[in-house]
Amino acid sequence: MNLAETLRTQGDLGGARKALEERLSRQSADMLRDRLRDTDPEIRRAAAKACALLALDDLVPDLLDLLEDPNPTVVQAAQDALRRLTGGDAAASG
């Protein structure tokens, strides 16, 4: 069972996601880069959110890669992070 499945079964998905984002926001940029490539989509989603919280614009290329992620929640988190980091709608797909 991956982290996303575990979070869903625990009931408080929103609270668990927020805690994970906050935990990842205490990691270095290199560690977050690794998390953006994690096999677990929940980790990738939280890492994208953490990039935005930390204003890590050097990870923009990694976030752009996530726009092609097969998981829609990861794509949405990457789009949100890119908007926050670029101050615009640079993440718009089309």
PDB file of N, CA and C in Angstrom:
ATOM      1  N   MET A   1       0.859  -1.179   0.000  1.00  0.00           N
ATOM      2  CA  MET A   1       0.000   0.000   0.000  1.00  0.00           C
ATOM      3  C   MET A   1       0.902   1.238   0.000  1.00  0.00           C
ATOM      4  N   ASN A   2       0.659   2.162  -0.945  1.00  0.00           N
ATOM      5  CA  ASN A   2       1.461   3.372  -0.976  1.00  0.00           C
ATOM      6  C   ASN A   2       0.892   4.415  -0.016  1.00  0.00           C
ATOM      7  N   LEU A   3       1.592   5.525   0.102  1.00  0.00           N
ATOM      8  CA  LEU A   3       1.188   6.550   1.064  1.00  0.00           C
ATOM      9  C   LEU A   3      -0.186   7.114   0.753  1.00  0.00           C
ATOM     10  N   ALA A   4      -0.489   7.318  -0.512  1.00  0.00           N
ATOM     11  CA  ALA A   4      -1.791   7.862  -0.881  1.00  0.00           C
ATOM     12  C   ALA A   4      -2.920   6.956  -0.410  1.00  0.00           C
ATOM     13  N   GLU A   5      -2.746   5.657  -0.589  1.00  0.00           N
ATOM     14  CA  GLU A   5      -3.772   4.706  -0.140  1.00  0.00           C
ATOM     15  C   GLU A   5      -3.894   4.714   1.376  1.00  0.00           C
ATOM     16  N   THR A   6      -2.774   4.802   2.076  1.00  0.00           N
ATOM     17  CA  THR A   6      -2.785   4.852   3.534  1.00  0.00           C
ATOM     18  C   THR A   6      -3.513   6.095   4.022  1.00  0.00           C
ATOM     19  N   LEU A   7      -3.228   7.242   3.411  1.00  0.00           N
ATOM     20  CA  LEU A   7      -3.883   8.491   3.815  1.00  0.00           C
ATOM     21  C   LEU A   7      -5.387   8.419   3.602  1.00  0.00           C
ATOM     22  N   ARG A   8      -5.802   7.830   2.484  1.00  0.00           N
ATOM     23  CA  ARG A   8      -7.237   7.725   2.205  1.00  0.00           C
ATOM     24  C   ARG A   8      -7.948   6.851   3.237  1.00  0.00           C
ATOM     25  N   THR A   9      -7.293   5.793   3.685  1.00  0.00           N
ATOM     26  CA  THR A   9      -7.940   4.891   4.635  1.00  0.00           C
ATOM     27  C   THR A   9      -7.961   5.462   6.050  1.00  0.00           C
ATOM     28  N   GLN A  10      -7.120   6.443   6.329  1.00  0.00           N
ATOM     29  CA  GLN A  10      -7.079   7.011   7.673  1.00  0.00           C
ATOM     30  C   GLN A  10      -8.159   8.057   7.906  1.00  0.00           C
ATOM     31  N   GLY A  11      -8.790   8.537   6.869  1.00  0.00           N
ATOM     32  CA  GLY A  11      -9.926   9.425   7.045  1.00  0.00           C
ATOM     33  C   GLY A  11      -9.629  10.907   6.966  1.00  0.00           C
ATOM     34  N   ASP A  12      -8.550  11.391   7.547  1.00  0.00           N
ATOM     35  CA  ASP A  12      -8.251  12.823   7.542  1.00  0.00           C
ATOM     36  C   ASP A  12      -7.228  13.125   6.464  1.00  0.00           C
ATOM     37  N   LEU A  13      -7.641  12.975   5.213  1.00  0.00           N
ATOM     38  CA  LEU A  13      -6.729  13.168   4.097  1.00  0.00           C
ATOM     39  C   LEU A  13      -6.161  14.584   4.072  1.00  0.00           C
ATOM     40  N   GLY A  14      -7.005  15.573   4.282  1.00  0.00           N
ATOM     41  CA  GLY A  14      -6.538  16.966   4.247  1.00  0.00           C
ATOM     42  C   GLY A  14      -5.488  17.259   5.302  1.00  0.00           C
ATOM     43  N   GLY A  15      -5.733  16.809   6.528  1.00  0.00           N
ATOM     44  CA  GLY A  15      -4.781  17.042   7.610  1.00  0.00           C
ATOM     45  C   GLY A  15      -3.475  16.301   7.392  1.00  0.00           C
ATOM     46  N   ALA A  16      -3.570  15.085   6.906  1.00  0.00           N
ATOM     47  CA  ALA A  16      -2.371  14.291   6.651  1.00  0.00           C
ATOM     48  C   ALA A  16      -1.557  14.901   5.516  1.00  0.00           C
ATOM     49  N   ARG A  17      -2.240  15.373   4.488  1.00  0.00           N
ATOM     50  CA  ARG A  17      -1.532  16.006   3.369  1.00  0.00           C
ATOM     51  C   ARG A  17      -0.802  17.263   3.830  1.00  0.00           C
ATOM     52  N   LYS A  18      -1.471  18.072   4.628  1.00  0.00           N
ATOM     53  CA  LYS A  18      -0.864  19.315   5.123  1.00  0.00           C
ATOM     54  C   LYS A  18       0.363  19.006   5.972  1.00  0.00           C
ATOM     55  N   ALA A  19       0.266  18.000   6.824  1.00  0.00           N
ATOM     56  CA  ALA A  19       1.406  17.613   7.664  1.00  0.00           C
ATOM     57  C   ALA A  19       2.583  17.148   6.807  1.00  0.00           C
ATOM     58  N   LEU A  20       2.291  16.387   5.760  1.00  0.00           N
ATOM     59  CA  LEU A  20       3.346  15.918   4.872  1.00  0.00           C
ATOM     60  C   LEU A  20       3.999  17.092   4.148  1.00  0.00           C
ATOM     61  N   GLU A  21       3.203  18.038   3.659  1.00  0.00           N
ATOM     62  CA  GLU A  21       3.746  19.232   3.001  1.00  0.00           C
ATOM     63  C   GLU A  21       4.670  19.998   3.945  1.00  0.00           C
ATOM     64  N   GLU A  22       4.232  20.181   5.181  1.00  0.00           N
ATOM     65  CA  GLU A  22       5.050  20.909   6.156  1.00  0.00           C
ATOM     66  C   GLU A  22       6.343  20.170   6.465  1.00  0.00           C
ATOM     67  N   ARG A  23       6.252  18.851   6.563  1.00  0.00           N
ATOM     68  CA  ARG A  23       7.459  18.069   6.829  1.00  0.00           C
ATOM     69  C   ARG A  23       8.445  18.185   5.665  1.00  0.00           C
ATOM     70  N   LEU A  24       7.934  18.062   4.452  1.00  0.00           N
ATOM     71  CA  LEU A  24       8.820  18.162   3.291  1.00  0.00           C
ATOM     72  C   LEU A  24       9.388  19.565   3.130  1.00  0.00           C
ATOM     73  N   SER A  25       8.675  20.575   3.603  1.00  0.00           N
ATOM     74  CA  SER A  25       9.174  21.951   3.482  1.00  0.00           C
ATOM     75  C   SER A  25      10.378  22.214   4.382  1.00  0.00           C
ATOM     76  N   ARG A  26      10.724  21.256   5.226  1.00  0.00           N
ATOM     77  CA  ARG A  26      11.923  21.384   6.064  1.00  0.00           C
ATOM     78  C   ARG A  26      13.132  20.693   5.431  1.00  0.00           C
ATOM     79  N   GLN A  27      12.956  20.172   4.231  1.00  0.00           N
ATOM     80  CA  GLN A  27      14.051  19.478   3.558  1.00  0.00           C
ATOM     81  C   GLN A  27      14.796  20.417   2.620  1.00  0.00           C
ATOM     82  N   SER A  28      15.986  20.017   2.266  1.00  0.00           N
ATOM     83  CA  SER A  28      16.806  20.805   1.346  1.00  0.00           C
ATOM     84  C   SER A  28      16.233  20.726  -0.071  1.00  0.00           C
ATOM     85  N   ALA A  29      16.686  21.638  -0.913  1.00  0.00           N
ATOM     86  CA  ALA A  29      16.245  21.639  -2.308  1.00  0.00           C
ATOM     87  C   ALA A  29      16.613  20.327  -2.993  1.00  0.00           C
ATOM     88  N   ASP A  30      17.790  19.794  -2.703  1.00  0.00           N
ATOM     89  CA  ASP A  30      18.192  18.523  -3.320  1.00  0.00           C
ATOM     90  C   ASP A  30      17.286  17.378  -2.884  1.00  0.00           C
ATOM     91  N   MET A  31      16.924  17.360  -1.611  1.00  0.00           N
ATOM     92  CA  MET A  31      16.019  16.317  -1.130  1.00  0.00           C
ATOM     93  C   MET A  31      14.633  16.468  -1.762  1.00  0.00           C
ATOM     94  N   LEU A  32      14.166  17.711  -1.885  1.00  0.00           N
ATOM     95  CA  LEU A  32      12.866  17.929  -2.521  1.00  0.00           C
ATOM     96  C   LEU A  32      12.890  17.510  -3.984  1.00  0.00           C
ATOM     97  N   ARG A  33      13.992  17.768  -4.661  1.00  0.00           N
ATOM     98  CA  ARG A  33      14.122  17.342  -6.062  1.00  0.00           C
ATOM     99  C   ARG A  33      13.932  15.819  -6.151  1.00  0.00           C
ATOM    100  N   ASP A  34      14.554  15.103  -5.231  1.00  0.00           N
ATOM    101  CA  ASP A  34      14.377  13.645  -5.195  1.00  0.00           C
ATOM    102  C   ASP A  34      12.918  13.273  -4.929  1.00  0.00           C
ATOM    103  N   ARG A  35      12.275  13.996  -4.032  1.00  0.00           N
ATOM    104  CA  ARG A  35      10.876  13.702  -3.696  1.00  0.00           C
ATOM    105  C   ARG A  35       9.946  13.993  -4.875  1.00  0.00           C
ATOM    106  N   LEU A  36      10.298  14.964  -5.714  1.00  0.00           N
ATOM    107  CA  LEU A  36       9.491  15.260  -6.901  1.00  0.00           C
ATOM    108  C   LEU A  36       9.512  14.103  -7.893  1.00  0.00           C
ATOM    109  N   ARG A  37      10.481  13.206  -7.734  1.00  0.00           N
ATOM    110  CA  ARG A  37      10.618  12.039  -8.618  1.00  0.00           C
ATOM    111  C   ARG A  37      10.218  10.738  -7.918  1.00  0.00           C
ATOM    112  N   ASP A  38       9.673  10.840  -6.720  1.00  0.00           N
ATOM    113  CA  ASP A  38       9.314   9.664  -5.936  1.00  0.00           C
ATOM    114  C   ASP A  38       8.295   8.801  -6.689  1.00  0.00           C
ATOM    115  N   THR A  39       8.290   7.514  -6.390  1.00  0.00           N
ATOM    116  CA  THR A  39       7.319   6.621  -7.040  1.00  0.00           C
ATOM    117  C   THR A  39       5.902   6.818  -6.505  1.00  0.00           C
ATOM    118  N   ASP A  40       5.766   7.377  -5.319  1.00  0.00           N
ATOM    119  CA  ASP A  40       4.457   7.582  -4.687  1.00  0.00           C
ATOM    120  C   ASP A  40       3.892   8.945  -5.104  1.00  0.00           C
ATOM    121  N   PRO A  41       2.741   8.973  -5.751  1.00  0.00           N
ATOM    122  CA  PRO A  41       2.186  10.255  -6.189  1.00  0.00           C
ATOM    123  C   PRO A  41       1.889  11.220  -5.038  1.00  0.00           C
ATOM    124  N   GLU A  42       1.563  10.715  -3.886  1.00  0.00           N
ATOM    125  CA  GLU A  42       1.286  11.608  -2.752  1.00  0.00           C
ATOM    126  C   GLU A  42       2.551  12.347  -2.308  1.00  0.00           C
ATOM    127  N   ILE A  43       3.683  11.680  -2.396  1.00  0.00           N
ATOM    128  CA  ILE A  43       4.960  12.324  -2.071  1.00  0.00           C
ATOM    129  C   ILE A  43       5.285  13.383  -3.121  1.00  0.00           C
ATOM    130  N   ARG A  44       5.081  13.060  -4.397  1.00  0.00           N
ATOM    131  CA  ARG A  44       5.339  14.043  -5.463  1.00  0.00           C
ATOM    132  C   ARG A  44       4.445  15.265  -5.295  1.00  0.00           C
ATOM    133  N   ARG A  45       3.170  15.043  -4.966  1.00  0.00           N
ATOM    134  CA  ARG A  45       2.227  16.156  -4.775  1.00  0.00           C
ATOM    135  C   ARG A  45       2.664  17.051  -3.625  1.00  0.00           C
ATOM    136  N   ALA A  46       3.008  16.431  -2.507  1.00  0.00           N
ATOM    137  CA  ALA A  46       3.427  17.201  -1.330  1.00  0.00           C
ATOM    138  C   ALA A  46       4.746  17.926  -1.586  1.00  0.00           C
ATOM    139  N   ALA A  47       5.640  17.309  -2.332  1.00  0.00           N
ATOM    140  CA  ALA A  47       6.916  17.959  -2.644  1.00  0.00           C
ATOM    141  C   ALA A  47       6.695  19.196  -3.510  1.00  0.00           C
ATOM    142  N   ALA A  48       5.775  19.114  -4.453  1.00  0.00           N
ATOM    143  CA  ALA A  48       5.458  20.282  -5.283  1.00  0.00           C
ATOM    144  C   ALA A  48       4.910  21.409  -4.415  1.00  0.00           C
ATOM    145  N   LYS A  49       4.018  21.067  -3.500  1.00  0.00           N
ATOM    146  CA  LYS A  49       3.474  22.079  -2.581  1.00  0.00           C
ATOM    147  C   LYS A  49       4.585  22.690  -1.722  1.00  0.00           C
ATOM    148  N   ALA A  50       5.513  21.862  -1.259  1.00  0.00           N
ATOM    149  CA  ALA A  50       6.617  22.347  -0.436  1.00  0.00           C
ATOM    150  C   ALA A  50       7.513  23.298  -1.222  1.00  0.00           C
ATOM    151  N   CYS A  51       7.717  23.024  -2.503  1.00  0.00           N
ATOM    152  CA  CYS A  51       8.515  23.926  -3.343  1.00  0.00           C
ATOM    153  C   CYS A  51       7.902  25.326  -3.359  1.00  0.00           C
ATOM    154  N   ALA A  52       6.585  25.381  -3.449  1.00  0.00           N
ATOM    155  CA  ALA A  52       5.909  26.672  -3.443  1.00  0.00           C
ATOM    156  C   ALA A  52       6.024  27.348  -2.084  1.00  0.00           C
ATOM    157  N   LEU A  53       5.857  26.577  -1.011  1.00  0.00           N
ATOM    158  CA  LEU A  53       5.965  27.147   0.334  1.00  0.00           C
ATOM    159  C   LEU A  53       7.332  27.768   0.571  1.00  0.00           C
ATOM    160  N   LEU A  54       8.366  27.131   0.026  1.00  0.00           N
ATOM    161  CA  LEU A  54       9.738  27.586   0.226  1.00  0.00           C
ATOM    162  C   LEU A  54      10.220  28.551  -0.852  1.00  0.00           C
ATOM    163  N   ALA A  55       9.383  28.811  -1.840  1.00  0.00           N
ATOM    164  CA  ALA A  55       9.734  29.682  -2.966  1.00  0.00           C
ATOM    165  C   ALA A  55      11.027  29.224  -3.641  1.00  0.00           C
ATOM    166  N   LEU A  56      11.107  27.923  -3.909  1.00  0.00           N
ATOM    167  CA  LEU A  56      12.303  27.340  -4.526  1.00  0.00           C
ATOM    168  C   LEU A  56      12.205  27.407  -6.044  1.00  0.00           C
ATOM    169  N   ASP A  57      12.473  28.589  -6.582  1.00  0.00           N
ATOM    170  CA  ASP A  57      12.327  28.741  -8.022  1.00  0.00           C
ATOM    171  C   ASP A  57      13.398  28.006  -8.820  1.00  0.00           C
ATOM    172  N   ASP A  58      14.481  27.548  -8.175  1.00  0.00           N
ATOM    173  CA  ASP A  58      15.464  26.746  -8.896  1.00  0.00           C
ATOM    174  C   ASP A  58      14.918  25.349  -9.223  1.00  0.00           C
ATOM    175  N   LEU A  59      13.766  24.989  -8.640  1.00  0.00           N
ATOM    176  CA  LEU A  59      13.143  23.699  -8.938  1.00  0.00           C
ATOM    177  C   LEU A  59      12.033  23.815  -9.988  1.00  0.00           C
ATOM    178  N   VAL A  60      11.909  24.986 -10.593  1.00  0.00           N
ATOM    179  CA  VAL A  60      10.886  25.178 -11.630  1.00  0.00           C
ATOM    180  C   VAL A  60      11.016  24.141 -12.749  1.00  0.00           C
ATOM    181  N   PRO A  61      12.226  23.844 -13.254  1.00  0.00           N
ATOM    182  CA  PRO A  61      12.307  22.817 -14.307  1.00  0.00           C
ATOM    183  C   PRO A  61      11.768  21.454 -13.855  1.00  0.00           C
ATOM    184  N   ASP A  62      12.005  21.102 -12.603  1.00  0.00           N
ATOM    185  CA  ASP A  62      11.496  19.836 -12.071  1.00  0.00           C
ATOM    186  C   ASP A  62       9.979  19.870 -11.965  1.00  0.00           C
ATOM    187  N   LEU A  63       9.438  21.017 -11.572  1.00  0.00           N
ATOM    188  CA  LEU A  63       7.980  21.160 -11.491  1.00  0.00           C
ATOM    189  C   LEU A  63       7.358  21.108 -12.877  1.00  0.00           C
ATOM    190  N   LEU A  64       8.031  21.678 -13.866  1.00  0.00           N
ATOM    191  CA  LEU A  64       7.521  21.601 -15.233  1.00  0.00           C
ATOM    192  C   LEU A  64       7.415  20.148 -15.697  1.00  0.00           C
ATOM    193  N   ASP A  65       8.379  19.324 -15.296  1.00  0.00           N
ATOM    194  CA  ASP A  65       8.316  17.896 -15.639  1.00  0.00           C
ATOM    195  C   ASP A  65       7.064  17.239 -15.061  1.00  0.00           C
ATOM    196  N   LEU A  66       6.631  17.711 -13.888  1.00  0.00           N
ATOM    197  CA  LEU A  66       5.453  17.116 -13.245  1.00  0.00           C
ATOM    198  C   LEU A  66       4.147  17.436 -13.974  1.00  0.00           C
ATOM    199  N   LEU A  67       4.185  18.394 -14.881  1.00  0.00           N
ATOM    200  CA  LEU A  67       2.974  18.688 -15.650  1.00  0.00           C
ATOM    201  C   LEU A  67       2.581  17.520 -16.540  1.00  0.00           C
ATOM    202  N   GLU A  68       3.515  16.587 -16.754  1.00  0.00           N
ATOM    203  CA  GLU A  68       3.254  15.387 -17.549  1.00  0.00           C
ATOM    204  C   GLU A  68       2.982  14.160 -16.670  1.00  0.00           C
ATOM    205  N   ASP A  69       2.846  14.358 -15.365  1.00  0.00           N
ATOM    206  CA  ASP A  69       2.633  13.251 -14.445  1.00  0.00           C
ATOM    207  C   ASP A  69       1.299  12.559 -14.741  1.00  0.00           C
ATOM    208  N   PRO A  70       1.248  11.240 -14.602  1.00  0.00           N
ATOM    209  CA  PRO A  70      -0.012  10.532 -14.851  1.00  0.00           C
ATOM    210  C   PRO A  70      -1.079  10.766 -13.773  1.00  0.00           C
ATOM    211  N   ASN A  71      -0.678  11.305 -12.622  1.00  0.00           N
ATOM    212  CA  ASN A  71      -1.624  11.518 -11.527  1.00  0.00           C
ATOM    213  C   ASN A  71      -2.132  12.963 -11.555  1.00  0.00           C
ATOM    214  N   PRO A  72      -3.442  13.171 -11.692  1.00  0.00           N
ATOM    215  CA  PRO A  72      -3.970  14.538 -11.798  1.00  0.00           C
ATOM    216  C   PRO A  72      -3.737  15.406 -10.562  1.00  0.00           C
ATOM    217  N   THR A  73      -3.677  14.816  -9.372  1.00  0.00           N
ATOM    218  CA  THR A  73      -3.426  15.649  -8.193  1.00  0.00           C
ATOM    219  C   THR A  73      -1.985  16.152  -8.172  1.00  0.00           C
ATOM    220  N   VAL A  74      -1.074  15.383  -8.732  1.00  0.00           N
ATOM    221  CA  VAL A  74       0.322  15.823  -8.847  1.00  0.00           C
ATOM    222  C   VAL A  74       0.422  16.962  -9.862  1.00  0.00           C
ATOM    223  N   VAL A  75      -0.261  16.810 -10.986  1.00  0.00           N
ATOM    224  CA  VAL A  75      -0.265  17.858 -12.008  1.00  0.00           C
ATOM    225  C   VAL A  75      -0.834  19.148 -11.431  1.00  0.00           C
ATOM    226  N   GLN A  76      -1.940  19.050 -10.699  1.00  0.00           N
ATOM    227  CA  GLN A  76      -2.557  20.244 -10.104  1.00  0.00           C
ATOM    228  C   GLN A  76      -1.609  20.911  -9.104  1.00  0.00           C
ATOM    229  N   ALA A  77      -0.934  20.128  -8.290  1.00  0.00           N
ATOM    230  CA  ALA A  77       0.011  20.686  -7.318  1.00  0.00           C
ATOM    231  C   ALA A  77       1.173  21.369  -8.028  1.00  0.00           C
ATOM    232  N   ALA A  78       1.651  20.770  -9.115  1.00  0.00           N
ATOM    233  CA  ALA A  78       2.736  21.374  -9.886  1.00  0.00           C
ATOM    234  C   ALA A  78       2.276  22.688 -10.515  1.00  0.00           C
ATOM    235  N   GLN A  79       1.072  22.707 -11.063  1.00  0.00           N
ATOM    236  CA  GLN A  79       0.532  23.938 -11.651  1.00  0.00           C
ATOM    237  C   GLN A  79       0.412  25.030 -10.591  1.00  0.00           C
ATOM    238  N   ASP A  80      -0.123  24.679  -9.427  1.00  0.00           N
ATOM    239  CA  ASP A  80      -0.270  25.650  -8.340  1.00  0.00           C
ATOM    240  C   ASP A  80       1.089  26.197  -7.906  1.00  0.00           C
ATOM    241  N   ALA A  81       2.057  25.295  -7.771  1.00  0.00           N
ATOM    242  CA  ALA A  81       3.396  25.715  -7.349  1.00  0.00           C
ATOM    243  C   ALA A  81       4.031  26.628  -8.396  1.00  0.00           C
ATOM    244  N   LEU A  82       3.887  26.276  -9.658  1.00  0.00           N
ATOM    245  CA  LEU A  82       4.465  27.106 -10.720  1.00  0.00           C
ATOM    246  C   LEU A  82       3.816  28.487 -10.763  1.00  0.00           C
ATOM    247  N   ARG A  83       2.506  28.542 -10.581  1.00  0.00           N
ATOM    248  CA  ARG A  83       1.827  29.846 -10.540  1.00  0.00           C
ATOM    249  C   ARG A  83       2.378  30.695  -9.399  1.00  0.00           C
ATOM    250  N   ARG A  84       2.544  30.072  -8.259  1.00  0.00           N
ATOM    251  CA  ARG A  84       3.031  30.808  -7.088  1.00  0.00           C
ATOM    252  C   ARG A  84       4.488  31.258  -7.280  1.00  0.00           C
ATOM    253  N   LEU A  85       5.292  30.400  -7.869  1.00  0.00           N
ATOM    254  CA  LEU A  85       6.699  30.729  -8.061  1.00  0.00           C
ATOM    255  C   LEU A  85       6.950  31.721  -9.184  1.00  0.00           C
ATOM    256  N   THR A  86       6.126  31.687 -10.215  1.00  0.00           N
ATOM    257  CA  THR A  86       6.344  32.567 -11.353  1.00  0.00           C
ATOM    258  C   THR A  86       5.473  33.805 -11.301  1.00  0.00           C
ATOM    259  N   GLY A  87       4.499  33.812 -10.403  1.00  0.00           N
ATOM    260  CA  GLY A  87       3.611  34.968 -10.293  1.00  0.00           C
ATOM    261  C   GLY A  87       2.621  35.083 -11.449  1.00  0.00           C
ATOM    262  N   GLY A  88       2.431  34.011 -12.173  1.00  0.00           N
ATOM    263  CA  GLY A  88       1.507  34.060 -13.305  1.00  0.00           C
ATOM    264  C   GLY A  88       0.929  32.716 -13.627  1.00  0.00           C
ATOM    265  N   ASP A  89       0.538  32.570 -14.863  1.00  0.00           N
ATOM    266  CA  ASP A  89      -0.108  31.344 -15.311  1.00  0.00           C
ATOM    267  C   ASP A  89       0.837  30.558 -16.229  1.00  0.00           C
ATOM    268  N   ALA A  90       2.101  30.505 -15.839  1.00  0.00           N
ATOM    269  CA  ALA A  90       3.111  29.815 -16.647  1.00  0.00           C
ATOM    270  C   ALA A  90       2.828  28.336 -16.765  1.00  0.00           C
ATOM    271  N   ALA A  91       2.028  27.802 -15.866  1.00  0.00           N
ATOM    272  CA  ALA A  91       1.754  26.371 -15.849  1.00  0.00           C
ATOM    273  C   ALA A  91       0.549  25.987 -16.689  1.00  0.00           C
ATOM    274  N   ALA A  92      -0.063  26.950 -17.355  1.00  0.00           N
ATOM    275  CA  ALA A  92      -1.257  26.625 -18.133  1.00  0.00           C
ATOM    276  C   ALA A  92      -0.912  25.628 -19.217  1.00  0.00           C
ATOM    277  N   SER A  93      -1.710  24.609 -19.291  1.00  0.00           N
ATOM    278  CA  SER A  93      -1.464  23.591 -20.322  1.00  0.00           C
ATOM    279  C   SER A  93      -2.271  23.923 -21.558  1.00  0.00           C
ATOM    280  N   GLY A  94      -1.828  23.370 -22.671  1.00  0.00           N
ATOM    281  CA  GLY A  94      -2.618  23.610 -23.857  1.00  0.00           C
ATOM    282  C   GLY A  94      -1.895  23.427 -25.110  1.00  0.00           C
TER     283      GLY A  94
END
